[in-house]
Amino acid sequence: MKVENKTSTFLSIIIPVYNVGRYLQRCLDSVLEQISGKDEIILINDGSTDNSLSICLEYQKEYANVKFISQRNAGLGRTRNIGLLEASNENVIFLDSDDYWEIGTVNVIKSVISQEYIDILYFDAKTVYEGTIKEEHNPYNRKGKVSTEILSGKLFFEKYYPEGYIVQACMAVYKKDFLLKNKIIFQENVYFEDNLFSFLAVMKAEKVRYIPYQLYIRRMHENSIMTSEMSYRKIYDYSCVVHAIWDYIKTILDQLEGEILSKVILYVDSLLYTFCVMCRKVKEDLGQIHLLRVRVFRQYISLLDMYEENIKLVKVLRLVYGLKAGSAEFAAVTEIFGGKRDYERTLSLYKQQYKKRVIEKILLLYIDQPECKTGIYGLGKQTECLIEFCSQHGIETKNVIYVDSYQKTGKQNFYGCAVKNIRDVGDCLDKLIISSGLYRNEMYEMAKRFLPVGTEIVFLYEDGEEDIIWDLL
């Protein structure tokens, strides 16, 4: 869709300011040397106590396209929301005042948004390290990992989470009307305000696009929010963010299926994992942190109640089976289940239900069907566990043909049988079972390429996630 209204390329750059006098001029200059016409900077002093205010006033006086607001300290989320409401242009960008833009950023952005109407345009960043902060692999460079095609937000998340999904709101251009129509604003009075904002945006966007340019320069320094020490306040705020995201997911869960459902469930788990890691880093306020753990685990388990029964079983068992007795997480979960005795009783019941479901699932693979020549694709742990499980439950596997992508045909034995390379299988199989969850898509493409049309291809893990906890069986 061509954008006919020329004003649709103009930008409103929202820059909250709080005690960044050391970095502010570099930030503002990097924008002002690129923008023109009706482009505007919305500069909001959020109660700074250093020389940031005087710098803001100087730039407001010198540049007509700098709109300046000064307020008592309200936090980053509230300040960005004020800037969003004040924006005059259709396209809004958030820029942290200790960061800056690469030369040519505006030209690159406008060359895209002048041609296509998109709700969100994602781009990449470079990271500048200062002081004793150690330089690490740049997680903000997605070039070669994410395509530049226009997708719905849900499809983008489905295809590219986790590697291609970045929560930082500053690495995107948003349509103002899209944000306001969908009531997408930042959580206020919390750290980690980007998380809910970015997830709502990608889930609700009809059109998003990624461009492989590192336009944003992210400055990491010892006094930044990202590098300061973990604290109870940060953990509390993160728990609030997690609750808000999970509450939203509950409202859309019945609309999701297939791969997008798997990715959202993976995202739910990642939030819990991050919360647990954060809790382990704090040695003070342990009583309060225990209460937060109970609260977060309780909501996680309530969210599991909305999953299909087989997914719920796996998730509960993965949660409780992975807990170390005596750990803080173990104490929180046992409290939710009503104490250690009730916890063990519930766990035992879940194990029984789960084992029954796994047996039913593997029987439906018909591995021991004599009239069907069956192959198992993959020689890793999943196949080993599958064969051991079959042996324990009287499921015959002696006629199975083992298939691999890398081993040469006849050069290796697996459970006493010669292995065939997928390229050499030919028409000797009626059915191929792909045993990997992690590499199932790549293995499926190989199977479709080298096996005759009509060969049945089935998956041990239907939704990609390796949902059998073999150690429990």
Protein backbone atom coordinates (compact mmCIF):
# COMPACT_ATOMS: atom_id res chain seq x y z
CA MET A 1 0.00 0.00 0.00
CA LYS A 2 1.52 3.28 -1.13
CA VAL A 3 1.40 6.11 1.36
CA GLU A 4 0.00 9.11 -0.50
CA ASN A 5 -0.03 11.65 2.34
CA LYS A 6 3.47 13.08 2.50
CA THR A 7 3.05 14.20 6.11
CA SER A 8 2.88 10.51 7.09
CA THR A 9 6.67 10.36 6.91
CA PHE A 10 7.19 13.01 9.58
CA LEU A 11 8.49 11.81 12.93
CA SER A 12 7.83 12.64 16.56
CA ILE A 13 10.87 11.61 18.60
CA ILE A 14 10.02 11.24 22.29
CA ILE A 15 13.02 11.71 24.59
CA PRO A 16 12.54 11.44 28.38
CA VAL A 17 15.34 13.08 30.37
CA TYR A 18 16.51 12.24 33.88
CA ASN A 19 19.99 13.17 35.16
CA VAL A 20 21.81 12.55 31.89
CA GLY A 21 23.65 15.84 31.53
CA ARG A 22 26.81 13.95 30.57
CA TYR A 23 25.13 12.33 27.54
CA LEU A 24 22.21 14.57 26.57
CA GLN A 25 23.89 16.83 24.02
CA ARG A 26 25.20 13.88 22.02
CA CYS A 27 21.71 12.40 22.01
CA LEU A 28 19.97 15.58 20.85
CA ASP A 29 22.59 16.50 18.26
CA SER A 30 22.37 13.04 16.68
CA VAL A 31 18.68 13.67 16.01
CA LEU A 32 18.68 17.38 15.17
CA GLU A 33 21.32 17.02 12.48
CA GLN A 34 19.02 14.61 10.62
CA ILE A 35 15.41 15.78 11.02
CA SER A 36 13.68 18.49 9.00
CA GLY A 37 10.31 19.98 8.12
CA LYS A 38 7.57 18.95 10.51
CA ASP A 39 9.69 16.43 12.35
CA GLU A 40 9.71 17.18 16.06
CA ILE A 41 11.51 16.29 19.25
CA ILE A 42 9.37 16.02 22.36
CA LEU A 43 11.84 16.59 25.18
CA ILE A 44 10.53 15.83 28.66
CA ASN A 45 12.57 16.64 31.75
CA ASP A 46 11.48 14.14 34.39
CA GLY A 47 12.58 15.98 37.54
CA SER A 48 16.33 15.97 36.85
CA THR A 49 18.60 17.24 39.63
CA ASP A 50 21.77 17.70 37.53
CA ASN A 51 22.37 20.11 34.62
CA SER A 52 19.94 18.27 32.30
CA LEU A 53 17.24 20.92 32.72
CA SER A 54 19.52 23.78 31.64
CA ILE A 55 20.63 21.80 28.56
CA CYS A 56 16.98 21.17 27.65
CA LEU A 57 16.17 24.87 27.94
CA GLU A 58 19.11 25.80 25.69
CA TYR A 59 17.93 23.43 22.96
CA GLN A 60 14.31 24.56 23.28
CA LYS A 61 15.41 28.17 22.80
CA GLU A 62 17.61 27.39 19.79
CA TYR A 63 15.41 24.92 17.88
CA ALA A 64 11.79 25.57 16.92
CA ASN A 65 11.10 21.87 16.42
CA VAL A 66 11.97 20.99 20.03
CA LYS A 67 8.82 20.81 22.14
CA PHE A 68 9.84 20.94 25.80
CA ILE A 69 7.97 19.76 28.91
CA SER A 70 9.28 19.81 32.48
CA GLN A 71 7.62 17.87 35.29
CA ARG A 72 8.18 16.35 38.70
CA ASN A 73 9.79 12.91 38.57
CA ALA A 74 7.18 10.43 37.34
CA GLY A 75 9.29 7.62 35.93
CA LEU A 76 10.11 6.49 32.40
CA GLY A 77 6.80 4.82 31.63
CA ARG A 78 4.68 7.81 32.59
CA THR A 79 7.01 10.19 30.80
CA ARG A 80 6.88 8.23 27.56
CA ASN A 81 3.08 8.12 27.75
CA ILE A 82 2.95 11.90 28.10
CA GLY A 83 5.21 12.22 25.08
CA LEU A 84 2.99 9.90 23.06
CA LEU A 85 -0.08 12.01 23.77
CA GLU A 86 1.83 15.21 22.89
CA ALA A 87 3.11 13.85 19.55
CA SER A 88 1.86 15.77 16.52
CA ASN A 89 3.00 13.33 13.85
CA GLU A 90 1.77 9.95 12.71
CA ASN A 91 5.08 8.17 13.34
CA VAL A 92 6.54 8.06 16.84
CA ILE A 93 9.94 6.85 18.04
CA PHE A 94 11.22 6.57 21.59
CA LEU A 95 14.83 7.48 22.30
CA ASP A 96 16.53 7.19 25.68
CA SER A 97 18.48 10.33 26.47
CA ASP A 98 21.76 8.54 27.24
CA ASP A 99 21.66 6.84 23.82
CA TYR A 100 21.84 8.30 20.31
CA TRP A 101 21.20 7.61 16.62
CA GLU A 102 23.53 6.53 13.89
CA ILE A 103 24.13 8.97 11.02
CA GLY A 104 21.52 8.39 8.29
CA THR A 105 18.87 6.91 10.60
CA VAL A 106 16.09 9.28 9.54
CA ASN A 107 16.74 8.76 5.82
CA VAL A 108 16.60 4.99 6.21
CA ILE A 109 13.37 5.11 8.22
CA LYS A 110 11.63 7.54 5.89
CA SER A 111 12.62 5.58 2.80
CA VAL A 112 10.62 2.66 4.20
CA ILE A 113 7.59 4.36 5.74
CA SER A 114 7.09 6.52 2.65
CA GLN A 115 6.46 3.36 0.60
CA GLU A 116 4.43 1.15 2.93
CA TYR A 117 1.87 1.63 5.67
CA ILE A 118 3.04 -0.49 8.60
CA ASP A 119 2.09 -0.38 12.26
CA ILE A 120 5.61 -1.16 13.50
CA LEU A 121 8.98 -0.86 11.77
CA TYR A 122 11.70 -2.72 13.67
CA PHE A 123 15.42 -1.97 13.33
CA ASP A 124 18.63 -3.00 15.12
CA ALA A 125 21.14 -1.39 17.46
CA LYS A 126 24.81 -1.24 18.29
CA THR A 127 26.03 -1.24 21.86
CA VAL A 128 28.70 1.09 23.26
CA TYR A 129 30.31 -0.07 26.51
CA GLU A 130 31.90 2.23 29.09
CA GLY A 131 33.80 1.92 32.34
CA THR A 132 34.14 -1.64 33.59
CA ILE A 133 31.18 -2.97 31.64
CA LYS A 134 32.49 -5.87 29.56
CA GLU A 135 31.65 -6.02 25.88
CA GLU A 136 29.59 -9.04 24.96
CA HIS A 137 27.93 -10.48 21.88
CA ASN A 138 25.52 -7.92 20.46
CA PRO A 139 21.97 -9.29 20.94
CA TYR A 140 20.47 -6.40 19.00
CA ASN A 141 21.74 -7.40 15.56
CA ARG A 142 19.22 -9.65 13.81
CA LYS A 143 20.60 -9.34 10.29
CA GLY A 144 20.36 -12.69 8.53
CA LYS A 145 18.06 -14.12 11.22
CA VAL A 146 14.89 -12.17 10.42
CA SER A 147 13.41 -11.53 6.98
CA THR A 148 12.33 -8.10 5.74
CA GLU A 149 8.89 -9.20 4.56
CA ILE A 150 5.76 -7.54 5.89
CA LEU A 151 3.97 -9.82 8.35
CA SER A 152 1.23 -9.62 10.91
CA GLY A 153 2.61 -9.10 14.40
CA LYS A 154 1.48 -12.55 15.53
CA LEU A 155 3.16 -14.22 12.57
CA PHE A 156 6.34 -12.25 13.23
CA PHE A 157 6.33 -13.48 16.83
CA GLU A 158 5.56 -17.02 15.71
CA LYS A 159 8.42 -17.09 13.22
CA TYR A 160 11.11 -15.20 15.10
CA TYR A 161 10.61 -15.54 18.85
CA PRO A 162 12.88 -15.80 20.78
CA GLU A 163 15.97 -14.84 18.72
CA GLY A 164 14.30 -12.20 16.57
CA TYR A 165 12.00 -10.63 19.15
CA ILE A 166 13.48 -7.72 21.13
CA VAL A 167 11.49 -6.01 23.89
CA GLN A 168 13.31 -2.67 23.79
CA ALA A 169 10.74 -0.15 22.57
CA CYS A 170 13.38 2.28 21.26
CA MET A 171 14.29 -0.01 18.36
CA ALA A 172 11.12 0.59 16.38
CA VAL A 173 8.92 3.19 14.71
CA TYR A 174 5.24 3.05 15.68
CA LYS A 175 2.10 4.51 14.16
CA LYS A 176 0.62 6.73 16.87
CA ASP A 177 -2.97 5.89 15.91
CA PHE A 178 -2.21 2.16 16.11
CA LEU A 179 -0.92 2.52 19.66
CA LEU A 180 -3.76 4.71 20.90
CA LYS A 181 -6.54 2.76 19.16
CA ASN A 182 -5.32 -0.44 20.79
CA LYS A 183 -4.65 1.25 24.16
CA ILE A 184 -0.99 0.29 24.04
CA ILE A 185 0.88 2.40 26.55
CA PHE A 186 3.74 1.86 28.97
CA GLN A 187 3.26 0.52 32.47
CA GLU A 188 3.92 3.33 34.91
CA ASN A 189 5.99 3.41 38.11
CA VAL A 190 7.84 0.18 37.31
CA TYR A 191 11.17 -0.93 35.92
CA PHE A 192 10.95 -3.11 32.77
CA GLU A 193 8.15 -0.97 31.31
CA ASP A 194 9.08 -2.08 27.76
CA ASN A 195 8.05 -5.71 28.24
CA LEU A 196 4.26 -5.39 28.28
CA PHE A 197 4.26 -2.53 25.76
CA SER A 198 6.28 -4.48 23.19
CA PHE A 199 4.32 -7.71 23.63
CA LEU A 200 0.96 -5.98 23.26
CA ALA A 201 2.24 -4.13 20.20
CA VAL A 202 3.47 -7.21 18.36
CA MET A 203 0.34 -9.22 19.24
CA LYS A 204 -2.04 -6.51 18.02
CA ALA A 205 -0.19 -5.19 14.96
CA GLU A 206 -1.65 -6.01 11.55
CA LYS A 207 1.55 -5.12 9.69
CA VAL A 208 5.12 -5.14 10.95
CA ARG A 209 8.41 -5.13 9.13
CA TYR A 210 12.04 -5.53 10.10
CA ILE A 211 14.94 -3.75 8.38
CA PRO A 212 18.52 -5.02 8.94
CA TYR A 213 20.13 -1.71 9.91
CA GLN A 214 21.80 -0.86 13.23
CA LEU A 215 20.38 2.62 13.61
CA TYR A 216 20.23 2.91 17.39
CA ILE A 217 23.37 3.32 19.53
CA ARG A 218 22.75 1.88 22.98
CA ARG A 219 25.09 3.16 25.66
CA MET A 220 25.85 0.78 28.56
CA HIS A 221 27.33 2.50 31.59
CA GLU A 222 27.62 1.70 35.27
CA ASN A 223 24.84 4.00 36.42
CA SER A 224 22.21 2.90 33.89
CA ILE A 225 19.05 1.02 34.82
CA MET A 226 20.23 -2.01 32.86
CA THR A 227 23.57 -2.37 34.66
CA SER A 228 22.68 -1.41 38.23
CA GLU A 229 22.48 -4.15 40.87
CA MET A 230 19.44 -6.35 41.32
CA SER A 231 17.14 -5.32 44.19
CA TYR A 232 13.85 -6.26 45.79
CA ARG A 233 12.25 -3.25 44.09
CA LYS A 234 13.31 -4.48 40.66
CA ILE A 235 12.05 -8.00 41.37
CA TYR A 236 8.75 -6.64 42.65
CA ASP A 237 8.35 -4.50 39.53
CA TYR A 238 9.22 -7.42 37.28
CA SER A 239 6.59 -9.54 39.02
CA CYS A 240 4.02 -6.81 38.26
CA VAL A 241 5.08 -6.81 34.63
CA VAL A 242 4.85 -10.61 34.46
CA HIS A 243 1.37 -10.56 36.00
CA ALA A 244 0.17 -7.99 33.47
CA ILE A 245 1.53 -9.97 30.52
CA TRP A 246 0.07 -13.24 31.79
CA ASP A 247 -3.29 -11.57 32.41
CA TYR A 248 -3.33 -10.42 28.78
CA ILE A 249 -2.31 -13.86 27.53
CA LYS A 250 -5.29 -15.35 29.37
CA THR A 251 -7.57 -13.15 27.23
CA ILE A 252 -6.15 -14.40 23.92
CA LEU A 253 -5.16 -17.99 24.72
CA ASP A 254 -8.30 -19.55 23.24
CA GLN A 255 -7.62 -17.71 19.97
CA LEU A 256 -4.17 -19.27 19.54
CA GLU A 257 -3.23 -22.63 18.10
CA GLY A 258 -0.33 -24.44 16.49
CA GLU A 259 3.07 -22.77 16.37
CA ILE A 260 1.97 -19.36 17.68
CA LEU A 261 0.48 -21.07 20.76
CA SER A 262 3.76 -22.94 21.30
CA LYS A 263 5.74 -19.69 21.08
CA VAL A 264 3.46 -17.85 23.51
CA ILE A 265 3.72 -20.74 25.98
CA LEU A 266 7.50 -20.62 25.58
CA TYR A 267 7.36 -16.88 26.31
CA VAL A 268 5.31 -17.52 29.45
CA ASP A 269 7.96 -19.97 30.65
CA SER A 270 10.79 -17.57 29.86
CA LEU A 271 9.22 -14.88 32.04
CA LEU A 272 9.02 -17.31 34.95
CA TYR A 273 12.61 -18.41 34.40
CA THR A 274 13.87 -14.82 34.35
CA PHE A 275 11.93 -14.04 37.53
CA CYS A 276 13.51 -17.03 39.30
CA VAL A 277 17.02 -16.02 38.20
CA MET A 278 16.46 -12.48 39.46
CA CYS A 279 15.26 -13.73 42.84
CA ARG A 280 18.42 -15.80 43.31
CA LYS A 281 20.59 -12.70 42.91
CA VAL A 282 19.22 -10.91 45.97
CA LYS A 283 20.33 -11.83 49.50
CA GLU A 284 18.20 -9.31 51.38
CA ASP A 285 14.44 -9.02 51.98
CA LEU A 286 14.16 -12.81 51.65
CA GLY A 287 10.79 -12.95 53.39
CA GLN A 288 9.30 -10.45 50.96
CA ILE A 289 10.86 -12.24 47.99
CA HIS A 290 9.32 -15.52 49.19
CA LEU A 291 5.90 -13.87 49.07
CA LEU A 292 6.62 -12.68 45.53
CA ARG A 293 7.62 -16.21 44.53
CA VAL A 294 4.39 -17.64 45.90
CA ARG A 295 2.39 -14.96 44.09
CA VAL A 296 4.12 -15.52 40.74
CA PHE A 297 4.09 -19.32 40.92
CA ARG A 298 0.41 -19.26 41.87
CA GLN A 299 -0.47 -17.18 38.82
CA TYR A 300 1.69 -19.39 36.61
CA ILE A 301 -0.15 -22.49 37.81
CA SER A 302 -3.52 -20.74 37.32
CA LEU A 303 -2.48 -19.95 33.76
CA LEU A 304 -1.65 -23.64 33.23
CA ASP A 305 -5.29 -24.44 34.03
CA MET A 306 -6.19 -22.80 30.71
CA TYR A 307 -3.89 -25.05 28.67
CA GLU A 308 -4.99 -28.31 27.11
CA GLU A 309 -4.72 -31.11 29.66
CA ASN A 310 -1.64 -32.76 28.12
CA ILE A 311 0.24 -29.43 27.98
CA LYS A 312 -0.80 -28.61 31.53
CA LEU A 313 0.49 -31.96 32.81
CA VAL A 314 3.88 -31.45 31.17
CA LYS A 315 4.23 -27.88 32.42
CA VAL A 316 3.30 -28.68 36.02
CA LEU A 317 5.64 -31.65 36.07
CA ARG A 318 8.48 -29.68 34.50
CA LEU A 319 7.96 -27.00 37.14
CA VAL A 320 7.86 -29.23 40.20
CA TYR A 321 10.24 -31.93 38.98
CA GLY A 322 12.93 -29.35 38.32
CA LEU A 323 12.78 -27.92 41.84
CA LYS A 324 15.54 -28.80 44.26
CA ALA A 325 14.24 -29.92 47.65
CA GLY A 326 14.97 -27.22 50.20
CA SER A 327 15.31 -24.47 47.58
CA ALA A 328 13.40 -21.22 47.79
CA GLU A 329 11.37 -22.16 44.71
CA PHE A 330 10.50 -25.52 46.28
CA ALA A 331 9.26 -23.77 49.42
CA ALA A 332 7.04 -21.45 47.37
CA VAL A 333 5.48 -24.23 45.29
CA THR A 334 4.86 -26.56 48.23
CA GLU A 335 3.09 -23.70 49.99
CA ILE A 336 0.81 -23.26 46.98
CA PHE A 337 -0.05 -26.98 47.03
CA GLY A 338 -0.91 -26.83 50.73
CA GLY A 339 2.29 -28.19 52.25
CA LYS A 340 4.82 -30.88 51.46
CA ARG A 341 2.47 -33.84 51.98
CA ASP A 342 -0.23 -32.48 49.67
CA TYR A 343 2.46 -31.44 47.20
CA GLU A 344 3.84 -35.00 47.06
CA ARG A 345 0.35 -36.46 46.76
CA THR A 346 -0.49 -34.12 43.86
CA LEU A 347 2.82 -34.82 42.18
CA SER A 348 2.25 -38.58 42.43
CA LEU A 349 -1.21 -38.22 40.87
CA TYR A 350 0.15 -36.07 38.05
CA LYS A 351 2.90 -38.61 37.38
CA GLN A 352 0.35 -41.41 37.04
CA GLN A 353 -1.82 -39.40 34.65
CA TYR A 354 1.20 -38.33 32.67
CA LYS A 355 2.66 -41.82 32.31
CA LYS A 356 -0.69 -43.10 31.04
CA ARG A 357 -0.83 -40.33 28.42
CA VAL A 358 2.73 -41.00 27.23
CA ILE A 359 2.03 -44.72 26.83
CA GLU A 360 -1.10 -43.92 24.82
CA LYS A 361 0.86 -41.46 22.68
CA ILE A 362 3.65 -43.92 21.86
CA LEU A 363 1.24 -46.78 21.18
CA LEU A 364 -0.43 -44.55 18.57
CA LEU A 365 2.89 -44.38 16.71
CA TYR A 366 2.40 -48.12 15.90
CA ILE A 367 6.13 -48.75 16.02
CA ASP A 368 5.61 -52.51 16.34
CA GLN A 369 3.09 -52.86 13.50
CA PRO A 370 4.59 -55.75 11.45
CA GLU A 371 2.90 -54.88 8.16
CA CYS A 372 4.24 -51.29 8.29
CA LYS A 373 7.94 -50.70 7.67
CA THR A 374 8.83 -47.99 10.19
CA GLY A 375 11.89 -45.77 10.48
CA ILE A 376 12.96 -43.47 13.30
CA TYR A 377 14.78 -40.35 12.14
CA GLY A 378 17.47 -39.10 14.55
CA LEU A 379 20.06 -40.85 16.72
CA GLY A 380 20.03 -38.52 19.69
CA LYS A 381 18.80 -38.74 23.26
CA GLN A 382 15.14 -38.59 22.24
CA THR A 383 15.42 -41.74 20.14
CA GLU A 384 17.43 -43.53 22.83
CA CYS A 385 14.77 -42.69 25.43
CA LEU A 386 12.00 -43.77 23.08
CA ILE A 387 13.60 -47.17 22.42
CA GLU A 388 14.31 -47.75 26.12
CA PHE A 389 10.73 -46.85 26.97
CA CYS A 390 9.41 -49.26 24.33
CA SER A 391 11.62 -52.02 25.73
CA GLN A 392 10.29 -51.44 29.26
CA HIS A 393 6.68 -51.60 28.10
CA GLY A 394 6.86 -54.54 25.69
CA ILE A 395 6.67 -52.51 22.48
CA GLU A 396 8.67 -54.36 19.81
CA THR A 397 11.32 -52.33 17.95
CA LYS A 398 13.47 -55.02 16.32
CA ASN A 399 12.21 -54.22 12.82
CA VAL A 400 12.75 -50.47 13.11
CA ILE A 401 15.12 -48.83 10.59
CA TYR A 402 17.21 -46.02 12.08
CA VAL A 403 17.79 -42.96 9.90
CA ASP A 404 20.22 -40.07 10.24
CA SER A 405 21.19 -36.95 8.29
CA TYR A 406 24.95 -37.26 8.77
CA GLN A 407 25.99 -40.91 9.22
CA LYS A 408 26.89 -42.83 6.09
CA THR A 409 24.65 -45.77 5.35
CA GLY A 410 25.92 -48.98 6.93
CA LYS A 411 28.83 -47.31 8.76
CA GLN A 412 27.23 -47.21 12.21
CA ASN A 413 25.04 -49.51 14.27
CA PHE A 414 22.33 -48.23 16.57
CA TYR A 415 20.76 -50.73 18.96
CA GLY A 416 22.20 -53.52 16.85
CA CYS A 417 20.81 -52.22 13.56
CA ALA A 418 22.62 -50.58 10.64
CA VAL A 419 21.88 -46.88 10.24
CA LYS A 420 20.71 -45.47 6.89
CA ASN A 421 21.41 -41.96 5.70
CA ILE A 422 18.17 -40.12 4.87
CA ARG A 423 19.39 -39.73 1.28
CA ASP A 424 19.62 -43.51 0.86
CA VAL A 425 16.33 -44.58 2.40
CA GLY A 426 14.44 -44.64 -0.87
CA ASP A 427 11.17 -46.58 -0.84
CA CYS A 428 12.08 -49.00 1.97
CA LEU A 429 9.80 -47.24 4.49
CA ASP A 430 6.07 -46.84 4.84
CA LYS A 431 6.37 -44.47 7.78
CA LEU A 432 9.10 -42.24 9.26
CA ILE A 433 8.97 -40.99 12.85
CA ILE A 434 10.89 -37.75 13.44
CA SER A 435 12.16 -37.99 17.01
CA SER A 436 13.54 -34.48 17.54
CA GLY A 437 11.48 -31.55 18.71
CA LEU A 438 14.23 -28.97 18.37
CA TYR A 439 15.17 -29.82 14.78
CA ARG A 440 11.88 -31.23 13.60
CA ASN A 441 11.26 -28.61 10.89
CA GLU A 442 14.69 -29.11 9.29
CA MET A 443 14.32 -32.89 9.49
CA TYR A 444 10.85 -32.72 7.99
CA GLU A 445 12.20 -30.76 5.00
CA MET A 446 14.95 -33.36 4.51
CA ALA A 447 12.42 -36.19 4.69
CA LYS A 448 10.11 -34.53 2.17
CA ARG A 449 13.05 -33.99 -0.13
CA PHE A 450 14.46 -37.52 -0.13
CA LEU A 451 11.54 -39.84 0.60
CA PRO A 452 9.02 -40.92 -2.03
CA VAL A 453 5.65 -39.20 -2.18
CA GLY A 454 3.23 -41.17 -0.04
CA THR A 455 5.66 -42.01 2.76
CA GLU A 456 3.90 -41.17 6.03
CA ILE A 457 5.87 -38.70 8.16
CA VAL A 458 4.89 -38.34 11.81
CA PHE A 459 6.37 -36.47 14.75
CA LEU A 460 7.20 -37.74 18.21
CA TYR A 461 6.67 -34.16 19.37
CA GLU A 462 3.64 -32.82 17.55
CA ASP A 463 3.99 -29.13 18.44
CA GLY A 464 7.78 -28.95 18.31
CA GLU A 465 8.28 -28.77 22.06
CA GLU A 466 9.94 -31.84 23.53
CA ASP A 467 7.02 -32.59 25.83
CA ILE A 468 8.03 -35.99 27.18
CA ILE A 469 9.89 -35.93 30.49
CA TRP A 470 11.65 -39.27 30.09
CA ASP A 471 13.24 -39.15 33.54
CA LEU A 472 9.78 -39.40 35.10
CA LEU A 473 8.95 -42.58 33.25
